[in-house]
Amino acid sequence: YSLNEIHRSASSVLATELRQIGFRATD
C-alpha cells in the first residue's frame, strides 16, 4: 500500500462504520 491507498481504505471503512450508526452519507 501507499498512503493514498490507505486513505481510500479509510474512507470506505468510515462509510461502513457510519452506516452502522444511522448515517446515510455518500462518498
mmCIF file of all heavy atoms, coordinates in Angstrom:
data_MODEL
# 
_entry.id   MODEL 
# 
loop_
_atom_site.group_PDB 
_atom_site.id 
_atom_site.type_symbol 
_atom_site.label_atom_id 
_atom_site.label_alt_id 
_atom_site.label_comp_id 
_atom_site.label_asym_id 
_atom_site.label_entity_id 
_atom_site.label_seq_id 
_atom_site.pdbx_PDB_ins_code 
_atom_site.Cartn_x 
_atom_site.Cartn_y 
_atom_site.Cartn_z 
_atom_site.occupancy 
_atom_site.B_iso_or_equiv 
_atom_site.pdbx_formal_charge 
_atom_site.auth_seq_id 
_atom_site.auth_comp_id 
_atom_site.auth_asym_id 
_atom_site.auth_atom_id 
_atom_site.pdbx_PDB_model_num 
ATOM 1   N N   . TYR A 1 1  ? 0.815   -1.209 0.000  1.00 0.00 ? 1  TYR A N   1 
ATOM 2   C CA  . TYR A 1 1  ? 0.000   0.000  0.000  1.00 0.00 ? 1  TYR A CA  1 
ATOM 3   C C   . TYR A 1 1  ? 0.853   1.265  0.000  1.00 0.00 ? 1  TYR A C   1 
ATOM 4   O O   . TYR A 1 1  ? 1.970   1.281  0.505  1.00 0.00 ? 1  TYR A O   1 
ATOM 5   C CB  . TYR A 1 1  ? -0.908  0.033  1.233  1.00 0.00 ? 1  TYR A CB  1 
ATOM 6   C CG  . TYR A 1 1  ? -2.175  -0.766 1.098  1.00 0.00 ? 1  TYR A CG  1 
ATOM 7   C CD1 . TYR A 1 1  ? -2.298  -1.815 0.196  1.00 0.00 ? 1  TYR A CD1 1 
ATOM 8   C CD2 . TYR A 1 1  ? -3.269  -0.489 1.901  1.00 0.00 ? 1  TYR A CD2 1 
ATOM 9   C CE1 . TYR A 1 1  ? -3.473  -2.538 0.094  1.00 0.00 ? 1  TYR A CE1 1 
ATOM 10  C CE2 . TYR A 1 1  ? -4.447  -1.212 1.809  1.00 0.00 ? 1  TYR A CE2 1 
ATOM 11  C CZ  . TYR A 1 1  ? -4.536  -2.232 0.904  1.00 0.00 ? 1  TYR A CZ  1 
ATOM 12  O OH  . TYR A 1 1  ? -5.698  -2.946 0.807  1.00 0.00 ? 1  TYR A OH  1 
ATOM 13  N N   . SER A 1 2  ? 0.250   2.305  -0.511 1.00 0.00 ? 2  SER A N   1 
ATOM 14  C CA  . SER A 1 2  ? 0.766   3.666  -0.379 1.00 0.00 ? 2  SER A CA  1 
ATOM 15  C C   . SER A 1 2  ? -0.127  4.394  0.618  1.00 0.00 ? 2  SER A C   1 
ATOM 16  O O   . SER A 1 2  ? -1.189  3.886  1.005  1.00 0.00 ? 2  SER A O   1 
ATOM 17  C CB  . SER A 1 2  ? 0.717   4.378  -1.731 1.00 0.00 ? 2  SER A CB  1 
ATOM 18  O OG  . SER A 1 2  ? -0.642  4.584  -2.122 1.00 0.00 ? 2  SER A OG  1 
ATOM 19  N N   . LEU A 1 3  ? 0.271   5.599  1.011  1.00 0.00 ? 3  LEU A N   1 
ATOM 20  C CA  . LEU A 1 3  ? -0.589  6.395  1.895  1.00 0.00 ? 3  LEU A CA  1 
ATOM 21  C C   . LEU A 1 3  ? -1.911  6.724  1.218  1.00 0.00 ? 3  LEU A C   1 
ATOM 22  O O   . LEU A 1 3  ? -2.957  6.745  1.871  1.00 0.00 ? 3  LEU A O   1 
ATOM 23  C CB  . LEU A 1 3  ? 0.128   7.677  2.326  1.00 0.00 ? 3  LEU A CB  1 
ATOM 24  C CG  . LEU A 1 3  ? 1.359   7.484  3.210  1.00 0.00 ? 3  LEU A CG  1 
ATOM 25  C CD1 . LEU A 1 3  ? 1.963   8.834  3.581  1.00 0.00 ? 3  LEU A CD1 1 
ATOM 26  C CD2 . LEU A 1 3  ? 1.031   6.678  4.459  1.00 0.00 ? 3  LEU A CD2 1 
ATOM 27  N N   . ASN A 1 4  ? -1.884  6.955  -0.097 1.00 0.00 ? 4  ASN A N   1 
ATOM 28  C CA  . ASN A 1 4  ? -3.138  7.232  -0.809 1.00 0.00 ? 4  ASN A CA  1 
ATOM 29  C C   . ASN A 1 4  ? -4.084  6.034  -0.765 1.00 0.00 ? 4  ASN A C   1 
ATOM 30  O O   . ASN A 1 4  ? -5.294  6.191  -0.600 1.00 0.00 ? 4  ASN A O   1 
ATOM 31  C CB  . ASN A 1 4  ? -2.868  7.623  -2.262 1.00 0.00 ? 4  ASN A CB  1 
ATOM 32  C CG  . ASN A 1 4  ? -2.348  9.036  -2.388 1.00 0.00 ? 4  ASN A CG  1 
ATOM 33  O OD1 . ASN A 1 4  ? -2.480  9.852  -1.472 1.00 0.00 ? 4  ASN A OD1 1 
ATOM 34  N ND2 . ASN A 1 4  ? -1.741  9.350  -3.520 1.00 0.00 ? 4  ASN A ND2 1 
ATOM 35  N N   . GLU A 1 5  ? -3.527  4.834  -0.902 1.00 0.00 ? 5  GLU A N   1 
ATOM 36  C CA  . GLU A 1 5  ? -4.377  3.635  -0.857 1.00 0.00 ? 5  GLU A CA  1 
ATOM 37  C C   . GLU A 1 5  ? -4.929  3.409  0.555  1.00 0.00 ? 5  GLU A C   1 
ATOM 38  O O   . GLU A 1 5  ? -6.084  2.999  0.721  1.00 0.00 ? 5  GLU A O   1 
ATOM 39  C CB  . GLU A 1 5  ? -3.591  2.419  -1.348 1.00 0.00 ? 5  GLU A CB  1 
ATOM 40  C CG  . GLU A 1 5  ? -3.342  2.503  -2.846 1.00 0.00 ? 5  GLU A CG  1 
ATOM 41  C CD  . GLU A 1 5  ? -2.267  1.536  -3.334 1.00 0.00 ? 5  GLU A CD  1 
ATOM 42  O OE1 . GLU A 1 5  ? -1.270  1.307  -2.618 1.00 0.00 ? 5  GLU A OE1 1 
ATOM 43  O OE2 . GLU A 1 5  ? -2.432  1.028  -4.452 1.00 0.00 ? 5  GLU A OE2 1 
ATOM 44  N N   . ILE A 1 6  ? -4.141  3.710  1.560  1.00 0.00 ? 6  ILE A N   1 
ATOM 45  C CA  . ILE A 1 6  ? -4.633  3.596  2.931  1.00 0.00 ? 6  ILE A CA  1 
ATOM 46  C C   . ILE A 1 6  ? -5.741  4.622  3.154  1.00 0.00 ? 6  ILE A C   1 
ATOM 47  O O   . ILE A 1 6  ? -6.757  4.319  3.790  1.00 0.00 ? 6  ILE A O   1 
ATOM 48  C CB  . ILE A 1 6  ? -3.482  3.743  3.943  1.00 0.00 ? 6  ILE A CB  1 
ATOM 49  C CG1 . ILE A 1 6  ? -2.572  2.505  3.859  1.00 0.00 ? 6  ILE A CG1 1 
ATOM 50  C CG2 . ILE A 1 6  ? -4.014  3.929  5.362  1.00 0.00 ? 6  ILE A CG2 1 
ATOM 51  C CD1 . ILE A 1 6  ? -1.316  2.579  4.691  1.00 0.00 ? 6  ILE A CD1 1 
ATOM 52  N N   . HIS A 1 7  ? -5.584  5.816  2.594  1.00 0.00 ? 7  HIS A N   1 
ATOM 53  C CA  . HIS A 1 7  ? -6.635  6.830  2.732  1.00 0.00 ? 7  HIS A CA  1 
ATOM 54  C C   . HIS A 1 7  ? -7.941  6.362  2.090  1.00 0.00 ? 7  HIS A C   1 
ATOM 55  O O   . HIS A 1 7  ? -9.017  6.510  2.687  1.00 0.00 ? 7  HIS A O   1 
ATOM 56  C CB  . HIS A 1 7  ? -6.193  8.157  2.116  1.00 0.00 ? 7  HIS A CB  1 
ATOM 57  C CG  . HIS A 1 7  ? -7.248  9.214  2.232  1.00 0.00 ? 7  HIS A CG  1 
ATOM 58  N ND1 . HIS A 1 7  ? -7.488  9.886  3.404  1.00 0.00 ? 7  HIS A ND1 1 
ATOM 59  C CD2 . HIS A 1 7  ? -8.150  9.671  1.332  1.00 0.00 ? 7  HIS A CD2 1 
ATOM 60  C CE1 . HIS A 1 7  ? -8.498  10.727 3.226  1.00 0.00 ? 7  HIS A CE1 1 
ATOM 61  N NE2 . HIS A 1 7  ? -8.911  10.618 1.973  1.00 0.00 ? 7  HIS A NE2 1 
ATOM 62  N N   . ARG A 1 8  ? -7.864  5.787  0.896  1.00 0.00 ? 8  ARG A N   1 
ATOM 63  C CA  . ARG A 1 8  ? -9.078  5.287  0.246  1.00 0.00 ? 8  ARG A CA  1 
ATOM 64  C C   . ARG A 1 8  ? -9.728  4.185  1.077  1.00 0.00 ? 8  ARG A C   1 
ATOM 65  O O   . ARG A 1 8  ? -10.957 4.138  1.225  1.00 0.00 ? 8  ARG A O   1 
ATOM 66  C CB  . ARG A 1 8  ? -8.765  4.801  -1.173 1.00 0.00 ? 8  ARG A CB  1 
ATOM 67  C CG  . ARG A 1 8  ? -8.614  5.935  -2.175 1.00 0.00 ? 8  ARG A CG  1 
ATOM 68  C CD  . ARG A 1 8  ? -8.546  5.448  -3.606 1.00 0.00 ? 8  ARG A CD  1 
ATOM 69  N NE  . ARG A 1 8  ? -7.304  4.768  -3.922 1.00 0.00 ? 8  ARG A NE  1 
ATOM 70  C CZ  . ARG A 1 8  ? -6.164  5.395  -4.242 1.00 0.00 ? 8  ARG A CZ  1 
ATOM 71  N NH1 . ARG A 1 8  ? -6.119  6.710  -4.297 1.00 0.00 ? 8  ARG A NH1 1 
ATOM 72  N NH2 . ARG A 1 8  ? -5.087  4.711  -4.526 1.00 0.00 ? 8  ARG A NH2 1 
ATOM 73  N N   . SER A 1 9  ? -8.911  3.314  1.640  1.00 0.00 ? 9  SER A N   1 
ATOM 74  C CA  . SER A 1 9  ? -9.451  2.266  2.521  1.00 0.00 ? 9  SER A CA  1 
ATOM 75  C C   . SER A 1 9  ? -10.115 2.870  3.740  1.00 0.00 ? 9  SER A C   1 
ATOM 76  O O   . SER A 1 9  ? -11.189 2.419  4.175  1.00 0.00 ? 9  SER A O   1 
ATOM 77  C CB  . SER A 1 9  ? -8.332  1.319  2.980  1.00 0.00 ? 9  SER A CB  1 
ATOM 78  O OG  . SER A 1 9  ? -7.823  0.587  1.892  1.00 0.00 ? 9  SER A OG  1 
ATOM 79  N N   . ALA A 1 10 ? -9.508  3.908  4.309  1.00 0.00 ? 10 ALA A N   1 
ATOM 80  C CA  . ALA A 1 10 ? -10.076 4.556  5.496  1.00 0.00 ? 10 ALA A CA  1 
ATOM 81  C C   . ALA A 1 10 ? -11.440 5.158  5.189  1.00 0.00 ? 10 ALA A C   1 
ATOM 82  O O   . ALA A 1 10 ? -12.371 5.028  5.990  1.00 0.00 ? 10 ALA A O   1 
ATOM 83  C CB  . ALA A 1 10 ? -9.124  5.642  6.010  1.00 0.00 ? 10 ALA A CB  1 
ATOM 84  N N   . SER A 1 11 ? -11.574 5.801  4.043  1.00 0.00 ? 11 SER A N   1 
ATOM 85  C CA  . SER A 1 11 ? -12.864 6.396  3.675  1.00 0.00 ? 11 SER A CA  1 
ATOM 86  C C   . SER A 1 11 ? -13.933 5.329  3.531  1.00 0.00 ? 11 SER A C   1 
ATOM 87  O O   . SER A 1 11 ? -15.071 5.516  3.965  1.00 0.00 ? 11 SER A O   1 
ATOM 88  C CB  . SER A 1 11 ? -12.728 7.184  2.362  1.00 0.00 ? 11 SER A CB  1 
ATOM 89  O OG  . SER A 1 11 ? -11.905 8.308  2.561  1.00 0.00 ? 11 SER A OG  1 
ATOM 90  N N   . SER A 1 12 ? -13.564 4.196  2.951  1.00 0.00 ? 12 SER A N   1 
ATOM 91  C CA  . SER A 1 12 ? -14.507 3.095  2.777  1.00 0.00 ? 12 SER A CA  1 
ATOM 92  C C   . SER A 1 12 ? -14.921 2.499  4.120  1.00 0.00 ? 12 SER A C   1 
ATOM 93  O O   . SER A 1 12 ? -16.106 2.244  4.376  1.00 0.00 ? 12 SER A O   1 
ATOM 94  C CB  . SER A 1 12 ? -13.874 2.024  1.887  1.00 0.00 ? 12 SER A CB  1 
ATOM 95  O OG  . SER A 1 12 ? -14.716 0.916  1.774  1.00 0.00 ? 12 SER A OG  1 
ATOM 96  N N   . VAL A 1 13 ? -13.960 2.279  4.999  1.00 0.00 ? 13 VAL A N   1 
ATOM 97  C CA  . VAL A 1 13 ? -14.261 1.725  6.324  1.00 0.00 ? 13 VAL A CA  1 
ATOM 98  C C   . VAL A 1 13 ? -15.110 2.717  7.124  1.00 0.00 ? 13 VAL A C   1 
ATOM 99  O O   . VAL A 1 13 ? -16.056 2.324  7.812  1.00 0.00 ? 13 VAL A O   1 
ATOM 100 C CB  . VAL A 1 13 ? -12.962 1.355  7.081  1.00 0.00 ? 13 VAL A CB  1 
ATOM 101 C CG1 . VAL A 1 13 ? -13.239 0.997  8.536  1.00 0.00 ? 13 VAL A CG1 1 
ATOM 102 C CG2 . VAL A 1 13 ? -12.248 0.207  6.376  1.00 0.00 ? 13 VAL A CG2 1 
ATOM 103 N N   . LEU A 1 14 ? -14.792 4.005  7.010  1.00 0.00 ? 14 LEU A N   1 
ATOM 104 C CA  . LEU A 1 14 ? -15.578 5.020  7.722  1.00 0.00 ? 14 LEU A CA  1 
ATOM 105 C C   . LEU A 1 14 ? -17.029 5.006  7.246  1.00 0.00 ? 14 LEU A C   1 
ATOM 106 O O   . LEU A 1 14 ? -17.955 5.092  8.060  1.00 0.00 ? 14 LEU A O   1 
ATOM 107 C CB  . LEU A 1 14 ? -14.965 6.403  7.546  1.00 0.00 ? 14 LEU A CB  1 
ATOM 108 C CG  . LEU A 1 14 ? -15.655 7.538  8.305  1.00 0.00 ? 14 LEU A CG  1 
ATOM 109 C CD1 . LEU A 1 14 ? -15.664 7.280  9.808  1.00 0.00 ? 14 LEU A CD1 1 
ATOM 110 C CD2 . LEU A 1 14 ? -14.987 8.869  7.990  1.00 0.00 ? 14 LEU A CD2 1 
ATOM 111 N N   . ALA A 1 15 ? -17.240 4.868  5.944  1.00 0.00 ? 15 ALA A N   1 
ATOM 112 C CA  . ALA A 1 15 ? -18.609 4.799  5.412  1.00 0.00 ? 15 ALA A CA  1 
ATOM 113 C C   . ALA A 1 15 ? -19.368 3.623  6.027  1.00 0.00 ? 15 ALA A C   1 
ATOM 114 O O   . ALA A 1 15 ? -20.532 3.760  6.424  1.00 0.00 ? 15 ALA A O   1 
ATOM 115 C CB  . ALA A 1 15 ? -18.579 4.685  3.898  1.00 0.00 ? 15 ALA A CB  1 
ATOM 116 N N   . THR A 1 16 ? -18.713 2.482  6.131  1.00 0.00 ? 16 THR A N   1 
ATOM 117 C CA  . THR A 1 16 ? -19.342 1.299  6.738  1.00 0.00 ? 16 THR A CA  1 
ATOM 118 C C   . THR A 1 16 ? -19.653 1.541  8.212  1.00 0.00 ? 16 THR A C   1 
ATOM 119 O O   . THR A 1 16 ? -20.751 1.228  8.684  1.00 0.00 ? 16 THR A O   1 
ATOM 120 C CB  . THR A 1 16 ? -18.413 0.076  6.588  1.00 0.00 ? 16 THR A CB  1 
ATOM 121 O OG1 . THR A 1 16 ? -18.189 -0.155 5.197  1.00 0.00 ? 16 THR A OG1 1 
ATOM 122 C CG2 . THR A 1 16 ? -19.007 -1.164 7.230  1.00 0.00 ? 16 THR A CG2 1 
ATOM 123 N N   . GLU A 1 17 ? -18.699 2.110  8.940  1.00 0.00 ? 17 GLU A N   1 
ATOM 124 C CA  . GLU A 1 17 ? -18.907 2.400  10.367 1.00 0.00 ? 17 GLU A CA  1 
ATOM 125 C C   . GLU A 1 17 ? -20.082 3.354  10.554 1.00 0.00 ? 17 GLU A C   1 
ATOM 126 O O   . GLU A 1 17 ? -20.898 3.171  11.460 1.00 0.00 ? 17 GLU A O   1 
ATOM 127 C CB  . GLU A 1 17 ? -17.640 3.001  10.981 1.00 0.00 ? 17 GLU A CB  1 
ATOM 128 C CG  . GLU A 1 17 ? -16.467 2.050  11.070 1.00 0.00 ? 17 GLU A CG  1 
ATOM 129 C CD  . GLU A 1 17 ? -16.595 1.033  12.181 1.00 0.00 ? 17 GLU A CD  1 
ATOM 130 O OE1 . GLU A 1 17 ? -17.342 1.273  13.149 1.00 0.00 ? 17 GLU A OE1 1 
ATOM 131 O OE2 . GLU A 1 17 ? -15.933 -0.022 12.094 1.00 0.00 ? 17 GLU A OE2 1 
ATOM 132 N N   . LEU A 1 18 ? -20.179 4.373  9.702  1.00 0.00 ? 18 LEU A N   1 
ATOM 133 C CA  . LEU A 1 18 ? -21.247 5.367  9.838  1.00 0.00 ? 18 LEU A CA  1 
ATOM 134 C C   . LEU A 1 18 ? -22.620 4.775  9.518  1.00 0.00 ? 18 LEU A C   1 
ATOM 135 O O   . LEU A 1 18 ? -23.612 5.111  10.180 1.00 0.00 ? 18 LEU A O   1 
ATOM 136 C CB  . LEU A 1 18 ? -20.961 6.580  8.957  1.00 0.00 ? 18 LEU A CB  1 
ATOM 137 C CG  . LEU A 1 18 ? -19.789 7.449  9.410  1.00 0.00 ? 18 LEU A CG  1 
ATOM 138 C CD1 . LEU A 1 18 ? -19.527 8.556  8.399  1.00 0.00 ? 18 LEU A CD1 1 
ATOM 139 C CD2 . LEU A 1 18 ? -20.037 8.026  10.792 1.00 0.00 ? 18 LEU A CD2 1 
ATOM 140 N N   . ARG A 1 19 ? -22.687 3.892  8.539  1.00 0.00 ? 19 ARG A N   1 
ATOM 141 C CA  . ARG A 1 19 ? -23.963 3.236  8.223  1.00 0.00 ? 19 ARG A CA  1 
ATOM 142 C C   . ARG A 1 19 ? -24.490 2.469  9.432  1.00 0.00 ? 19 ARG A C   1 
ATOM 143 O O   . ARG A 1 19 ? -25.690 2.428  9.686  1.00 0.00 ? 19 ARG A O   1 
ATOM 144 C CB  . ARG A 1 19 ? -23.816 2.318  7.016  1.00 0.00 ? 19 ARG A CB  1 
ATOM 145 C CG  . ARG A 1 19 ? -23.945 3.034  5.683  1.00 0.00 ? 19 ARG A CG  1 
ATOM 146 C CD  . ARG A 1 19 ? -24.106 2.074  4.524  1.00 0.00 ? 19 ARG A CD  1 
ATOM 147 N NE  . ARG A 1 19 ? -22.960 1.197  4.327  1.00 0.00 ? 19 ARG A NE  1 
ATOM 148 C CZ  . ARG A 1 19 ? -21.858 1.529  3.654  1.00 0.00 ? 19 ARG A CZ  1 
ATOM 149 N NH1 . ARG A 1 19 ? -21.744 2.716  3.110  1.00 0.00 ? 19 ARG A NH1 1 
ATOM 150 N NH2 . ARG A 1 19 ? -20.884 0.672  3.525  1.00 0.00 ? 19 ARG A NH2 1 
ATOM 151 N N   . GLN A 1 20 ? -23.578 1.871  10.190 1.00 0.00 ? 20 GLN A N   1 
ATOM 152 C CA  . GLN A 1 20 ? -23.972 1.075  11.357 1.00 0.00 ? 20 GLN A CA  1 
ATOM 153 C C   . GLN A 1 20 ? -24.597 1.918  12.469 1.00 0.00 ? 20 GLN A C   1 
ATOM 154 O O   . GLN A 1 20 ? -25.288 1.385  13.333 1.00 0.00 ? 20 GLN A O   1 
ATOM 155 C CB  . GLN A 1 20 ? -22.774 0.296  11.897 1.00 0.00 ? 20 GLN A CB  1 
ATOM 156 C CG  . GLN A 1 20 ? -22.296 -0.776 10.950 1.00 0.00 ? 20 GLN A CG  1 
ATOM 157 C CD  . GLN A 1 20 ? -21.017 -1.448 11.431 1.00 0.00 ? 20 GLN A CD  1 
ATOM 158 O OE1 . GLN A 1 20 ? -20.514 -1.200 12.518 1.00 0.00 ? 20 GLN A OE1 1 
ATOM 159 N NE2 . GLN A 1 20 ? -20.475 -2.323 10.596 1.00 0.00 ? 20 GLN A NE2 1 
ATOM 160 N N   . ILE A 1 21 ? -24.367 3.237  12.449 1.00 0.00 ? 21 ILE A N   1 
ATOM 161 C CA  . ILE A 1 21 ? -24.958 4.084  13.491 1.00 0.00 ? 21 ILE A CA  1 
ATOM 162 C C   . ILE A 1 21 ? -25.992 5.057  12.912 1.00 0.00 ? 21 ILE A C   1 
ATOM 163 O O   . ILE A 1 21 ? -26.361 6.036  13.559 1.00 0.00 ? 21 ILE A O   1 
ATOM 164 C CB  . ILE A 1 21 ? -23.877 4.840  14.300 1.00 0.00 ? 21 ILE A CB  1 
ATOM 165 C CG1 . ILE A 1 21 ? -22.988 5.714  13.402 1.00 0.00 ? 21 ILE A CG1 1 
ATOM 166 C CG2 . ILE A 1 21 ? -23.062 3.874  15.126 1.00 0.00 ? 21 ILE A CG2 1 
ATOM 167 C CD1 . ILE A 1 21 ? -22.018 6.587  14.171 1.00 0.00 ? 21 ILE A CD1 1 
ATOM 168 N N   . GLY A 1 22 ? -26.462 4.779  11.696 1.00 0.00 ? 22 GLY A N   1 
ATOM 169 C CA  . GLY A 1 22 ? -27.595 5.512  11.164 1.00 0.00 ? 22 GLY A CA  1 
ATOM 170 C C   . GLY A 1 22 ? -27.308 6.630  10.188 1.00 0.00 ? 22 GLY A C   1 
ATOM 171 O O   . GLY A 1 22 ? -28.223 7.359  9.804  1.00 0.00 ? 22 GLY A O   1 
ATOM 172 N N   . PHE A 1 23 ? -26.069 6.787  9.748  1.00 0.00 ? 23 PHE A N   1 
ATOM 173 C CA  . PHE A 1 23 ? -25.754 7.796  8.743  1.00 0.00 ? 23 PHE A CA  1 
ATOM 174 C C   . PHE A 1 23 ? -26.096 7.275  7.354  1.00 0.00 ? 23 PHE A C   1 
ATOM 175 O O   . PHE A 1 23 ? -25.927 6.091  7.069  1.00 0.00 ? 23 PHE A O   1 
ATOM 176 C CB  . PHE A 1 23 ? -24.255 8.125  8.755  1.00 0.00 ? 23 PHE A CB  1 
ATOM 177 C CG  . PHE A 1 23 ? -23.857 9.181  9.729  1.00 0.00 ? 23 PHE A CG  1 
ATOM 178 C CD1 . PHE A 1 23 ? -23.814 8.913  11.083 1.00 0.00 ? 23 PHE A CD1 1 
ATOM 179 C CD2 . PHE A 1 23 ? -23.502 10.442 9.287  1.00 0.00 ? 23 PHE A CD2 1 
ATOM 180 C CE1 . PHE A 1 23 ? -23.422 9.876  11.981 1.00 0.00 ? 23 PHE A CE1 1 
ATOM 181 C CE2 . PHE A 1 23 ? -23.110 11.419 10.184 1.00 0.00 ? 23 PHE A CE2 1 
ATOM 182 C CZ  . PHE A 1 23 ? -23.073 11.137 11.537 1.00 0.00 ? 23 PHE A CZ  1 
ATOM 183 N N   . ARG A 1 24 ? -26.523 8.166  6.508  1.00 0.00 ? 24 ARG A N   1 
ATOM 184 C CA  . ARG A 1 24 ? -26.740 7.857  5.095  1.00 0.00 ? 24 ARG A CA  1 
ATOM 185 C C   . ARG A 1 24 ? -25.832 8.773  4.282  1.00 0.00 ? 24 ARG A C   1 
ATOM 186 O O   . ARG A 1 24 ? -26.282 9.571  3.474  1.00 0.00 ? 24 ARG A O   1 
ATOM 187 C CB  . ARG A 1 24 ? -28.206 8.068  4.706  1.00 0.00 ? 24 ARG A CB  1 
ATOM 188 C CG  . ARG A 1 24 ? -29.187 7.192  5.445  1.00 0.00 ? 24 ARG A CG  1 
ATOM 189 C CD  . ARG A 1 24 ? -29.025 5.720  5.075  1.00 0.00 ? 24 ARG A CD  1 
ATOM 190 N NE  . ARG A 1 24 ? -29.901 4.876  5.867  1.00 0.00 ? 24 ARG A NE  1 
ATOM 191 C CZ  . ARG A 1 24 ? -29.482 4.092  6.852  1.00 0.00 ? 24 ARG A CZ  1 
ATOM 192 N NH1 . ARG A 1 24 ? -28.222 4.062  7.181  1.00 0.00 ? 24 ARG A NH1 1 
ATOM 193 N NH2 . ARG A 1 24 ? -30.336 3.335  7.512  1.00 0.00 ? 24 ARG A NH2 1 
ATOM 194 N N   . ALA A 1 25 ? -24.535 8.706  4.538  1.00 0.00 ? 25 ALA A N   1 
ATOM 195 C CA  . ALA A 1 25 ? -23.571 9.600  3.903  1.00 0.00 ? 25 ALA A CA  1 
ATOM 196 C C   . ALA A 1 25 ? -23.088 9.019  2.582  1.00 0.00 ? 25 ALA A C   1 
ATOM 197 O O   . ALA A 1 25 ? -22.778 7.839  2.486  1.00 0.00 ? 25 ALA A O   1 
ATOM 198 C CB  . ALA A 1 25 ? -22.387 9.825  4.838  1.00 0.00 ? 25 ALA A CB  1 
ATOM 199 N N   . THR A 1 26 ? -23.013 9.882  1.578  1.00 0.00 ? 26 THR A N   1 
ATOM 200 C CA  . THR A 1 26 ? -22.464 9.494  0.285  1.00 0.00 ? 26 THR A CA  1 
ATOM 201 C C   . THR A 1 26 ? -20.940 9.576  0.332  1.00 0.00 ? 26 THR A C   1 
ATOM 202 O O   . THR A 1 26 ? -20.364 10.158 1.264  1.00 0.00 ? 26 THR A O   1 
ATOM 203 C CB  . THR A 1 26 ? -22.977 10.433 -0.821 1.00 0.00 ? 26 THR A CB  1 
ATOM 204 O OG1 . THR A 1 26 ? -22.446 11.748 -0.576 1.00 0.00 ? 26 THR A OG1 1 
ATOM 205 C CG2 . THR A 1 26 ? -24.505 10.466 -0.867 1.00 0.00 ? 26 THR A CG2 1 
ATOM 206 N N   . ASP A 1 27 ? -20.282 9.030  -0.681 1.00 0.00 ? 27 ASP A N   1 
ATOM 207 C CA  . ASP A 1 27 ? -18.822 9.154  -0.774 1.00 0.00 ? 27 ASP A CA  1 
ATOM 208 C C   . ASP A 1 27 ? -18.425 10.630 -0.805 1.00 0.00 ? 27 ASP A C   1 
ATOM 209 O O   . ASP A 1 27 ? -17.438 11.028 -0.191 1.00 0.00 ? 27 ASP A O   1 
ATOM 210 C CB  . ASP A 1 27 ? -18.295 8.451  -2.024 1.00 0.00 ? 27 ASP A CB  1 
ATOM 211 C CG  . ASP A 1 27 ? -18.390 6.938  -1.918 1.00 0.00 ? 27 ASP A CG  1 
ATOM 212 O OD1 . ASP A 1 27 ? -18.589 6.424  -0.796 1.00 0.00 ? 27 ASP A OD1 1 
ATOM 213 O OD2 . ASP A 1 27 ? -18.277 6.269  -2.964 1.00 0.00 ? 27 ASP A OD2 1 
# 
